[in-house]
N, C-alpha and C. Protein backbone atom coordinates (compact mmCIF):
# COMPACT_ATOMS: atom_id res chain seq x y z
N MET A 1 -12.44 21.07 7.39
CA MET A 1 -11.67 21.96 6.55
C MET A 1 -10.96 21.14 5.48
N ALA A 2 -11.16 21.50 4.22
CA ALA A 2 -10.50 20.79 3.13
C ALA A 2 -9.02 21.16 3.10
N ARG A 3 -8.21 20.16 2.88
CA ARG A 3 -6.77 20.38 2.83
C ARG A 3 -6.32 20.43 1.38
N LYS A 4 -5.26 21.14 1.10
CA LYS A 4 -4.74 21.32 -0.25
C LYS A 4 -4.29 19.97 -0.82
N ALA A 5 -4.67 19.70 -2.07
CA ALA A 5 -4.29 18.45 -2.74
C ALA A 5 -2.77 18.39 -2.90
N LYS A 6 -2.26 17.15 -2.90
CA LYS A 6 -0.82 16.95 -3.04
C LYS A 6 -0.54 15.89 -4.11
N ALA A 7 0.55 16.07 -4.82
CA ALA A 7 0.96 15.09 -5.82
C ALA A 7 1.32 13.77 -5.13
N ALA A 8 0.99 12.67 -5.80
CA ALA A 8 1.30 11.35 -5.25
C ALA A 8 2.79 11.21 -4.95
N LYS A 9 3.63 11.76 -5.82
CA LYS A 9 5.08 11.61 -5.66
C LYS A 9 5.61 12.25 -4.37
N GLU A 10 4.85 13.19 -3.80
CA GLU A 10 5.29 13.83 -2.56
C GLU A 10 5.32 12.86 -1.38
N SER A 11 4.59 11.76 -1.49
CA SER A 11 4.56 10.78 -0.41
C SER A 11 5.57 9.64 -0.61
N LEU A 12 6.24 9.63 -1.76
CA LEU A 12 7.15 8.52 -2.06
C LEU A 12 8.17 8.32 -0.94
N THR A 13 8.24 7.10 -0.47
CA THR A 13 9.16 6.72 0.60
C THR A 13 9.92 5.48 0.16
N THR A 14 11.22 5.51 0.31
CA THR A 14 12.04 4.34 0.02
C THR A 14 12.79 3.98 1.29
N MET A 15 12.64 2.74 1.72
CA MET A 15 13.27 2.26 2.94
C MET A 15 14.14 1.06 2.60
N THR A 16 15.32 1.01 3.16
CA THR A 16 16.26 -0.07 2.88
C THR A 16 16.70 -0.71 4.19
N GLU A 17 16.69 -2.03 4.20
CA GLU A 17 17.11 -2.81 5.36
C GLU A 17 17.99 -3.96 4.89
N MET A 18 18.93 -4.37 5.73
CA MET A 18 19.71 -5.57 5.45
C MET A 18 19.14 -6.71 6.30
N VAL A 19 19.02 -7.88 5.69
CA VAL A 19 18.50 -9.04 6.41
C VAL A 19 19.62 -9.62 7.27
N LEU A 20 19.44 -9.54 8.57
CA LEU A 20 20.42 -10.02 9.55
C LEU A 20 19.96 -11.34 10.16
N PRO A 21 20.85 -12.07 10.82
CA PRO A 21 20.47 -13.38 11.38
C PRO A 21 19.23 -13.35 12.27
N ASN A 22 19.06 -12.30 13.05
CA ASN A 22 17.91 -12.22 13.95
C ASN A 22 16.58 -12.04 13.20
N ASP A 23 16.63 -11.69 11.90
CA ASP A 23 15.44 -11.47 11.09
C ASP A 23 14.98 -12.72 10.36
N THR A 24 15.74 -13.81 10.46
CA THR A 24 15.48 -14.98 9.61
C THR A 24 14.88 -16.16 10.36
N ASN A 25 14.29 -17.05 9.57
CA ASN A 25 13.78 -18.32 10.10
C ASN A 25 14.90 -19.37 10.03
N THR A 26 14.58 -20.61 10.35
CA THR A 26 15.61 -21.66 10.38
C THR A 26 16.13 -22.03 8.99
N LEU A 27 15.48 -21.57 7.93
CA LEU A 27 15.97 -21.80 6.57
C LEU A 27 16.86 -20.66 6.07
N GLY A 28 17.04 -19.64 6.92
CA GLY A 28 17.87 -18.50 6.52
C GLY A 28 17.14 -17.49 5.67
N ASN A 29 15.80 -17.53 5.71
CA ASN A 29 14.99 -16.58 4.95
C ASN A 29 14.37 -15.55 5.90
N LEU A 30 14.18 -14.34 5.39
CA LEU A 30 13.52 -13.29 6.17
C LEU A 30 12.14 -13.78 6.59
N MET A 31 11.82 -13.65 7.87
CA MET A 31 10.50 -14.04 8.36
C MET A 31 9.44 -13.11 7.79
N GLY A 32 8.29 -13.69 7.40
CA GLY A 32 7.21 -12.92 6.80
C GLY A 32 6.72 -11.80 7.70
N GLY A 33 6.60 -12.08 8.99
CA GLY A 33 6.14 -11.06 9.93
C GLY A 33 7.11 -9.89 10.04
N ARG A 34 8.39 -10.19 9.95
CA ARG A 34 9.40 -9.14 10.00
C ARG A 34 9.30 -8.25 8.76
N LEU A 35 9.08 -8.90 7.58
CA LEU A 35 8.91 -8.12 6.35
C LEU A 35 7.68 -7.24 6.45
N MET A 36 6.58 -7.77 6.97
CA MET A 36 5.37 -6.97 7.10
C MET A 36 5.57 -5.80 8.07
N TYR A 37 6.40 -6.01 9.07
CA TYR A 37 6.77 -4.92 10.00
C TYR A 37 7.50 -3.81 9.25
N PHE A 38 8.49 -4.20 8.43
CA PHE A 38 9.21 -3.21 7.62
C PHE A 38 8.25 -2.47 6.69
N MET A 39 7.35 -3.23 6.04
CA MET A 39 6.40 -2.65 5.11
C MET A 39 5.46 -1.67 5.82
N ASP A 40 5.02 -2.02 7.02
CA ASP A 40 4.13 -1.15 7.78
C ASP A 40 4.81 0.18 8.10
N ILE A 41 6.07 0.13 8.44
CA ILE A 41 6.81 1.37 8.74
C ILE A 41 6.92 2.24 7.48
N ALA A 42 7.32 1.63 6.36
CA ALA A 42 7.46 2.40 5.11
C ALA A 42 6.13 3.01 4.69
N ALA A 43 5.06 2.23 4.78
CA ALA A 43 3.74 2.73 4.39
C ALA A 43 3.27 3.84 5.31
N ALA A 44 3.53 3.70 6.61
CA ALA A 44 3.13 4.74 7.56
C ALA A 44 3.87 6.05 7.28
N ILE A 45 5.13 5.96 6.94
CA ILE A 45 5.90 7.17 6.61
C ILE A 45 5.30 7.85 5.38
N ALA A 46 4.97 7.05 4.34
CA ALA A 46 4.36 7.62 3.13
C ALA A 46 3.04 8.31 3.47
N ALA A 47 2.21 7.66 4.30
CA ALA A 47 0.92 8.24 4.69
C ALA A 47 1.11 9.52 5.50
N GLN A 48 2.10 9.53 6.38
CA GLN A 48 2.38 10.75 7.16
C GLN A 48 2.86 11.87 6.25
N LYS A 49 3.71 11.55 5.28
CA LYS A 49 4.19 12.58 4.36
C LYS A 49 3.03 13.20 3.58
N HIS A 50 2.05 12.37 3.23
CA HIS A 50 0.91 12.89 2.47
C HIS A 50 0.00 13.73 3.36
N SER A 51 -0.29 13.25 4.55
CA SER A 51 -1.29 13.89 5.41
C SER A 51 -0.73 14.91 6.40
N ASN A 52 0.57 14.84 6.67
CA ASN A 52 1.18 15.66 7.72
C ASN A 52 0.49 15.45 9.06
N ARG A 53 0.06 14.23 9.30
CA ARG A 53 -0.67 13.88 10.51
C ARG A 53 -0.16 12.56 11.08
N ILE A 54 -0.56 12.28 12.31
CA ILE A 54 -0.35 10.96 12.89
C ILE A 54 -1.24 10.01 12.10
N VAL A 55 -0.74 8.82 11.79
CA VAL A 55 -1.54 7.85 11.05
C VAL A 55 -1.53 6.51 11.77
N VAL A 56 -2.61 5.76 11.57
CA VAL A 56 -2.72 4.41 12.13
C VAL A 56 -3.08 3.45 11.02
N THR A 57 -2.57 2.23 11.12
CA THR A 57 -2.86 1.21 10.12
C THR A 57 -4.31 0.77 10.26
N ALA A 58 -5.06 0.81 9.15
CA ALA A 58 -6.46 0.38 9.17
C ALA A 58 -6.63 -1.00 8.57
N SER A 59 -5.87 -1.31 7.51
CA SER A 59 -5.97 -2.64 6.89
C SER A 59 -4.73 -2.92 6.06
N VAL A 60 -4.54 -4.21 5.85
CA VAL A 60 -3.47 -4.70 4.99
C VAL A 60 -4.11 -5.66 4.01
N ASP A 61 -3.96 -5.39 2.72
CA ASP A 61 -4.49 -6.31 1.72
C ASP A 61 -3.60 -7.54 1.65
N ASN A 62 -3.98 -8.44 0.80
CA ASN A 62 -3.23 -9.66 0.61
C ASN A 62 -1.74 -9.39 0.38
N VAL A 63 -0.90 -10.06 1.14
CA VAL A 63 0.55 -9.97 0.94
C VAL A 63 1.00 -11.36 0.53
N SER A 64 1.42 -11.49 -0.72
CA SER A 64 1.90 -12.77 -1.21
C SER A 64 3.42 -12.76 -1.25
N PHE A 65 4.00 -13.88 -0.89
CA PHE A 65 5.45 -14.00 -0.86
C PHE A 65 5.89 -14.75 -2.10
N ARG A 66 6.35 -14.00 -3.10
CA ARG A 66 6.73 -14.58 -4.40
C ARG A 66 8.06 -15.30 -4.35
N HIS A 67 9.02 -14.70 -3.66
CA HIS A 67 10.38 -15.26 -3.58
C HIS A 67 10.89 -15.09 -2.16
N PRO A 68 11.64 -16.07 -1.67
CA PRO A 68 12.23 -15.87 -0.34
C PRO A 68 13.30 -14.78 -0.39
N ILE A 69 13.44 -14.10 0.72
CA ILE A 69 14.49 -13.08 0.86
C ILE A 69 15.52 -13.68 1.81
N LYS A 70 16.73 -13.80 1.34
CA LYS A 70 17.77 -14.54 2.05
C LYS A 70 18.57 -13.67 3.03
N LEU A 71 19.16 -14.36 4.00
CA LEU A 71 20.08 -13.73 4.94
C LEU A 71 21.16 -12.99 4.15
N GLY A 72 21.41 -11.74 4.50
CA GLY A 72 22.42 -10.94 3.81
C GLY A 72 21.88 -10.12 2.66
N ASN A 73 20.65 -10.42 2.19
CA ASN A 73 20.06 -9.62 1.12
C ASN A 73 19.75 -8.22 1.63
N VAL A 74 19.73 -7.28 0.72
CA VAL A 74 19.29 -5.92 1.02
C VAL A 74 17.85 -5.81 0.52
N VAL A 75 16.97 -5.40 1.42
CA VAL A 75 15.55 -5.25 1.10
C VAL A 75 15.26 -3.77 0.87
N THR A 76 14.64 -3.47 -0.27
CA THR A 76 14.23 -2.09 -0.56
C THR A 76 12.73 -2.08 -0.70
N ILE A 77 12.10 -1.21 0.06
CA ILE A 77 10.64 -1.08 0.04
C ILE A 77 10.30 0.30 -0.47
N LYS A 78 9.47 0.34 -1.51
CA LYS A 78 9.00 1.61 -2.06
C LYS A 78 7.52 1.73 -1.71
N ALA A 79 7.15 2.82 -1.08
CA ALA A 79 5.76 3.05 -0.67
C ALA A 79 5.31 4.42 -1.16
N GLN A 80 4.04 4.48 -1.62
CA GLN A 80 3.52 5.76 -2.10
C GLN A 80 1.99 5.75 -1.95
N VAL A 81 1.44 6.87 -1.52
CA VAL A 81 -0.01 7.00 -1.41
C VAL A 81 -0.59 7.03 -2.82
N THR A 82 -1.62 6.20 -3.05
CA THR A 82 -2.25 6.13 -4.36
C THR A 82 -3.53 6.96 -4.45
N ARG A 83 -4.25 7.03 -3.30
CA ARG A 83 -5.51 7.78 -3.29
C ARG A 83 -5.91 8.06 -1.84
N ALA A 84 -6.65 9.14 -1.65
CA ALA A 84 -7.14 9.50 -0.32
C ALA A 84 -8.67 9.53 -0.35
N PHE A 85 -9.27 9.07 0.74
CA PHE A 85 -10.72 9.06 0.91
C PHE A 85 -11.03 9.66 2.27
N ASN A 86 -11.48 10.88 2.34
CA ASN A 86 -11.79 11.55 3.61
C ASN A 86 -10.57 11.49 4.54
N SER A 87 -10.59 10.57 5.51
CA SER A 87 -9.47 10.47 6.46
C SER A 87 -8.53 9.30 6.16
N SER A 88 -8.90 8.45 5.20
CA SER A 88 -8.07 7.28 4.91
C SER A 88 -7.25 7.47 3.65
N MET A 89 -6.15 6.72 3.59
CA MET A 89 -5.24 6.76 2.45
C MET A 89 -4.83 5.35 2.10
N GLU A 90 -4.85 5.03 0.81
CA GLU A 90 -4.33 3.76 0.34
C GLU A 90 -2.87 3.96 -0.03
N VAL A 91 -2.01 3.03 0.42
CA VAL A 91 -0.58 3.10 0.12
C VAL A 91 -0.19 1.84 -0.63
N HIS A 92 0.45 2.01 -1.77
CA HIS A 92 0.96 0.89 -2.57
C HIS A 92 2.42 0.64 -2.20
N LEU A 93 2.76 -0.63 -2.02
CA LEU A 93 4.14 -0.99 -1.67
C LEU A 93 4.69 -2.01 -2.65
N GLU A 94 5.95 -1.84 -2.98
CA GLU A 94 6.72 -2.83 -3.75
C GLU A 94 7.96 -3.17 -2.94
N VAL A 95 8.29 -4.45 -2.89
CA VAL A 95 9.46 -4.91 -2.14
C VAL A 95 10.42 -5.60 -3.11
N TRP A 96 11.68 -5.21 -3.01
CA TRP A 96 12.73 -5.78 -3.84
C TRP A 96 13.82 -6.35 -2.94
N ALA A 97 14.36 -7.50 -3.33
CA ALA A 97 15.49 -8.10 -2.61
C ALA A 97 16.70 -8.09 -3.53
N GLU A 98 17.83 -7.69 -2.96
CA GLU A 98 19.05 -7.59 -3.76
C GLU A 98 20.17 -8.36 -3.07
N ASP A 99 20.81 -9.21 -3.86
CA ASP A 99 22.01 -9.90 -3.42
C ASP A 99 23.16 -9.13 -4.05
N ILE A 100 23.77 -8.25 -3.29
CA ILE A 100 24.77 -7.35 -3.85
C ILE A 100 25.99 -8.10 -4.40
N PRO A 101 26.58 -9.06 -3.66
CA PRO A 101 27.74 -9.77 -4.23
C PRO A 101 27.41 -10.51 -5.53
N ALA A 102 26.19 -11.08 -5.63
CA ALA A 102 25.81 -11.81 -6.85
C ALA A 102 25.26 -10.88 -7.93
N GLN A 103 25.07 -9.61 -7.59
CA GLN A 103 24.53 -8.61 -8.51
C GLN A 103 23.18 -9.03 -9.08
N THR A 104 22.30 -9.52 -8.19
CA THR A 104 20.94 -9.89 -8.60
C THR A 104 19.93 -9.10 -7.77
N LYS A 105 18.80 -8.80 -8.39
CA LYS A 105 17.74 -8.07 -7.72
C LYS A 105 16.42 -8.57 -8.28
N HIS A 106 15.46 -8.86 -7.40
CA HIS A 106 14.16 -9.28 -7.88
C HIS A 106 13.04 -8.78 -6.96
N LYS A 107 11.88 -8.58 -7.57
CA LYS A 107 10.70 -8.13 -6.83
C LYS A 107 10.14 -9.33 -6.07
N THR A 108 9.93 -9.13 -4.76
CA THR A 108 9.46 -10.24 -3.93
C THR A 108 8.04 -10.08 -3.45
N ASN A 109 7.56 -8.86 -3.32
CA ASN A 109 6.23 -8.62 -2.76
C ASN A 109 5.64 -7.34 -3.31
N GLU A 110 4.31 -7.29 -3.24
CA GLU A 110 3.57 -6.08 -3.58
C GLU A 110 2.32 -6.12 -2.70
N ALA A 111 1.89 -4.98 -2.19
CA ALA A 111 0.72 -4.96 -1.32
C ALA A 111 0.13 -3.56 -1.27
N PHE A 112 -1.07 -3.49 -0.72
CA PHE A 112 -1.73 -2.22 -0.44
C PHE A 112 -2.06 -2.19 1.04
N TYR A 113 -1.68 -1.12 1.71
CA TYR A 113 -2.02 -0.89 3.11
C TYR A 113 -2.95 0.32 3.13
N THR A 114 -3.82 0.37 4.12
CA THR A 114 -4.69 1.53 4.30
C THR A 114 -4.41 2.14 5.66
N PHE A 115 -4.27 3.45 5.67
CA PHE A 115 -4.01 4.20 6.90
C PHE A 115 -5.10 5.24 7.10
N VAL A 116 -5.34 5.58 8.35
CA VAL A 116 -6.27 6.64 8.71
C VAL A 116 -5.47 7.71 9.45
N ALA A 117 -5.65 8.96 9.02
CA ALA A 117 -5.02 10.09 9.71
C ALA A 117 -5.88 10.44 10.91
N VAL A 118 -5.22 10.71 12.02
CA VAL A 118 -5.94 11.05 13.25
C VAL A 118 -5.36 12.31 13.88
N ASP A 119 -6.20 12.97 14.68
CA ASP A 119 -5.72 14.15 15.41
C ASP A 119 -5.08 13.69 16.73
N GLN A 120 -4.73 14.63 17.57
CA GLN A 120 -4.02 14.32 18.82
C GLN A 120 -4.86 13.49 19.79
N THR A 121 -6.18 13.48 19.60
CA THR A 121 -7.04 12.68 20.48
C THR A 121 -7.38 11.32 19.87
N GLY A 122 -6.86 11.05 18.67
CA GLY A 122 -7.11 9.77 18.02
C GLY A 122 -8.35 9.74 17.14
N ARG A 123 -8.95 10.89 16.90
CA ARG A 123 -10.14 10.96 16.05
C ARG A 123 -9.73 11.16 14.59
N PRO A 124 -10.41 10.47 13.66
CA PRO A 124 -10.08 10.64 12.23
C PRO A 124 -10.18 12.09 11.80
N ILE A 125 -9.26 12.46 10.90
CA ILE A 125 -9.20 13.84 10.41
C ILE A 125 -9.01 13.81 8.89
N ASP A 126 -9.59 14.78 8.20
CA ASP A 126 -9.51 14.82 6.73
C ASP A 126 -8.08 14.95 6.25
N VAL A 127 -7.84 14.34 5.08
CA VAL A 127 -6.52 14.38 4.46
C VAL A 127 -6.64 15.00 3.07
N PRO A 128 -5.52 15.48 2.53
CA PRO A 128 -5.56 16.07 1.18
C PRO A 128 -5.88 15.03 0.11
N GLU A 129 -6.47 15.48 -0.97
CA GLU A 129 -6.66 14.63 -2.14
C GLU A 129 -5.29 14.30 -2.74
N VAL A 130 -5.24 13.26 -3.54
CA VAL A 130 -4.01 12.86 -4.23
C VAL A 130 -4.12 13.28 -5.69
N ILE A 131 -3.05 13.86 -6.21
CA ILE A 131 -2.99 14.21 -7.62
C ILE A 131 -2.05 13.22 -8.31
N PRO A 132 -2.60 12.28 -9.09
CA PRO A 132 -1.74 11.35 -9.83
C PRO A 132 -1.19 12.04 -11.08
N GLU A 133 0.08 11.81 -11.37
CA GLU A 133 0.69 12.47 -12.52
C GLU A 133 1.17 11.49 -13.58
N THR A 134 1.86 10.43 -13.19
CA THR A 134 2.36 9.47 -14.17
C THR A 134 1.24 8.51 -14.58
N GLU A 135 1.46 7.76 -15.64
CA GLU A 135 0.46 6.77 -16.08
C GLU A 135 0.23 5.71 -15.00
N GLU A 136 1.30 5.26 -14.35
CA GLU A 136 1.17 4.27 -13.28
C GLU A 136 0.40 4.85 -12.09
N GLU A 137 0.70 6.08 -11.72
CA GLU A 137 -0.04 6.73 -10.62
C GLU A 137 -1.52 6.86 -10.97
N LYS A 138 -1.83 7.19 -12.22
CA LYS A 138 -3.22 7.32 -12.66
C LYS A 138 -3.93 5.97 -12.63
N ARG A 139 -3.24 4.91 -13.05
CA ARG A 139 -3.82 3.56 -13.03
C ARG A 139 -4.13 3.14 -11.60
N LEU A 140 -3.18 3.35 -10.69
CA LEU A 140 -3.39 2.98 -9.29
C LEU A 140 -4.49 3.84 -8.65
N TYR A 141 -4.54 5.10 -8.99
CA TYR A 141 -5.56 6.02 -8.47
C TYR A 141 -6.95 5.55 -8.89
N GLU A 142 -7.12 5.28 -10.18
CA GLU A 142 -8.44 4.88 -10.71
C GLU A 142 -8.90 3.55 -10.12
N SER A 143 -8.00 2.61 -9.96
CA SER A 143 -8.39 1.28 -9.45
C SER A 143 -8.54 1.26 -7.92
N ALA A 144 -8.10 2.31 -7.25
CA ALA A 144 -8.18 2.35 -5.78
C ALA A 144 -9.62 2.30 -5.28
N ILE A 145 -10.54 2.89 -6.01
CA ILE A 145 -11.94 2.89 -5.57
C ILE A 145 -12.49 1.47 -5.52
N HIS A 146 -12.07 0.63 -6.46
CA HIS A 146 -12.53 -0.76 -6.48
C HIS A 146 -11.95 -1.53 -5.30
N ARG A 147 -10.68 -1.32 -5.04
CA ARG A 147 -10.06 -1.99 -3.89
C ARG A 147 -10.69 -1.52 -2.58
N ARG A 148 -11.01 -0.23 -2.51
CA ARG A 148 -11.63 0.30 -1.29
C ARG A 148 -12.99 -0.35 -1.05
N GLU A 149 -13.81 -0.41 -2.09
CA GLU A 149 -15.13 -1.03 -1.92
C GLU A 149 -15.00 -2.50 -1.52
N LEU A 150 -14.06 -3.21 -2.11
CA LEU A 150 -13.84 -4.61 -1.74
C LEU A 150 -13.43 -4.72 -0.28
N ARG A 151 -12.52 -3.86 0.18
CA ARG A 151 -12.12 -3.85 1.59
C ARG A 151 -13.32 -3.62 2.51
N LEU A 152 -14.15 -2.66 2.14
CA LEU A 152 -15.32 -2.34 2.96
C LEU A 152 -16.32 -3.50 3.00
N ILE A 153 -16.48 -4.18 1.88
CA ILE A 153 -17.36 -5.36 1.86
C ILE A 153 -16.79 -6.46 2.75
N LEU A 154 -15.51 -6.74 2.58
CA LEU A 154 -14.88 -7.82 3.36
C LEU A 154 -14.88 -7.53 4.85
N SER A 155 -14.83 -6.25 5.22
CA SER A 155 -14.84 -5.89 6.65
C SER A 155 -16.26 -5.78 7.21
N GLY A 156 -17.27 -5.96 6.35
CA GLY A 156 -18.65 -5.87 6.79
C GLY A 156 -19.16 -4.44 6.92
N ARG A 157 -18.42 -3.48 6.42
CA ARG A 157 -18.82 -2.07 6.53
C ARG A 157 -19.59 -1.58 5.31
N MET A 158 -19.73 -2.45 4.29
CA MET A 158 -20.50 -2.11 3.10
C MET A 158 -21.19 -3.37 2.60
N GLN A 159 -22.40 -3.21 2.12
CA GLN A 159 -23.14 -4.32 1.52
C GLN A 159 -22.75 -4.41 0.04
N ILE A 160 -22.75 -5.62 -0.48
CA ILE A 160 -22.36 -5.82 -1.89
C ILE A 160 -23.22 -4.97 -2.82
N GLN A 161 -24.51 -4.89 -2.56
CA GLN A 161 -25.40 -4.12 -3.44
C GLN A 161 -25.07 -2.62 -3.44
N ASP A 162 -24.34 -2.14 -2.44
CA ASP A 162 -23.97 -0.72 -2.37
C ASP A 162 -22.63 -0.42 -3.05
N ALA A 163 -21.94 -1.42 -3.50
CA ALA A 163 -20.61 -1.25 -4.11
C ALA A 163 -20.76 -0.90 -5.58
N THR A 164 -21.19 0.31 -5.86
CA THR A 164 -21.51 0.71 -7.24
C THR A 164 -20.32 0.65 -8.18
N GLU A 165 -19.18 1.13 -7.73
CA GLU A 165 -17.99 1.13 -8.59
C GLU A 165 -17.51 -0.30 -8.89
N LEU A 166 -17.53 -1.14 -7.89
CA LEU A 166 -17.10 -2.53 -8.04
C LEU A 166 -18.06 -3.29 -8.94
N LYS A 167 -19.36 -3.07 -8.76
CA LYS A 167 -20.36 -3.74 -9.61
C LYS A 167 -20.19 -3.31 -11.06
N GLU A 168 -19.92 -2.04 -11.27
CA GLU A 168 -19.73 -1.54 -12.64
C GLU A 168 -18.50 -2.19 -13.28
N LEU A 169 -17.42 -2.28 -12.52
CA LEU A 169 -16.21 -2.91 -13.03
C LEU A 169 -16.46 -4.38 -13.38
N LEU A 170 -17.11 -5.10 -12.48
CA LEU A 170 -17.36 -6.52 -12.71
C LEU A 170 -18.31 -6.74 -13.88
N SER A 171 -19.31 -5.90 -14.04
CA SER A 171 -20.23 -6.07 -15.15
C SER A 171 -19.54 -5.81 -16.48
N LYS A 172 -18.62 -4.87 -16.52
CA LYS A 172 -17.85 -4.61 -17.75
C LYS A 172 -16.99 -5.80 -18.11
N ASN A 173 -16.35 -6.40 -17.11
CA ASN A 173 -15.44 -7.51 -17.37
C ASN A 173 -16.18 -8.83 -17.60
N LEU A 174 -17.34 -9.01 -16.97
CA LEU A 174 -18.08 -10.27 -17.13
C LEU A 174 -18.90 -10.27 -18.42
N TYR A 175 -19.40 -9.11 -18.80
CA TYR A 175 -20.26 -9.01 -19.97
C TYR A 175 -19.76 -7.90 -20.88
N PRO A 176 -18.60 -8.12 -21.52
CA PRO A 176 -18.06 -7.04 -22.38
C PRO A 176 -19.01 -6.77 -23.55
N THR A 177 -19.10 -5.51 -23.88
CA THR A 177 -19.96 -5.12 -24.99
C THR A 177 -19.22 -5.36 -26.30
N ALA A 178 -19.96 -5.85 -27.30
CA ALA A 178 -19.37 -6.07 -28.62
C ALA A 178 -19.22 -4.73 -29.33
N GLU A 179 -18.11 -4.59 -30.02
CA GLU A 179 -17.87 -3.32 -30.72
C GLU A 179 -17.96 -3.54 -32.19
């Protein structure tokens, strides 16, 4: 049964945490695994808001740590579904660290997580399409197909020769046409 499409903004989730001593390594920085735990929760909430279903984490794309997040910083994670494919949803995350007394804030991480909606027995179930509205939502929506094909190739679930969207993108960028 096809589900009614939903605007990307309906899944927007903002989660805020304070970095406490138990969250840090010996240098006083937030441990990477702890940050990924926070990110997984925020992304799962966004996926649930979009699908109105139980969701499970299917994959996590590259998570790069641009800046350390210090003890006492406030971490804000913004998560939003960018596109849906049958039962799976791609969620884009941005992480910001804020030192409130110093009045500084900087982006520390960005990632894409993939979730699958499941029914009560754990079987995948269809999710609504995503309607992108802003220019950024449209950009993320359009590029999601390329990221999906790359994920499928890396997981061994798709052969490179079958990645039509990714091949088209690469051929455009490798061999641009003269105008």
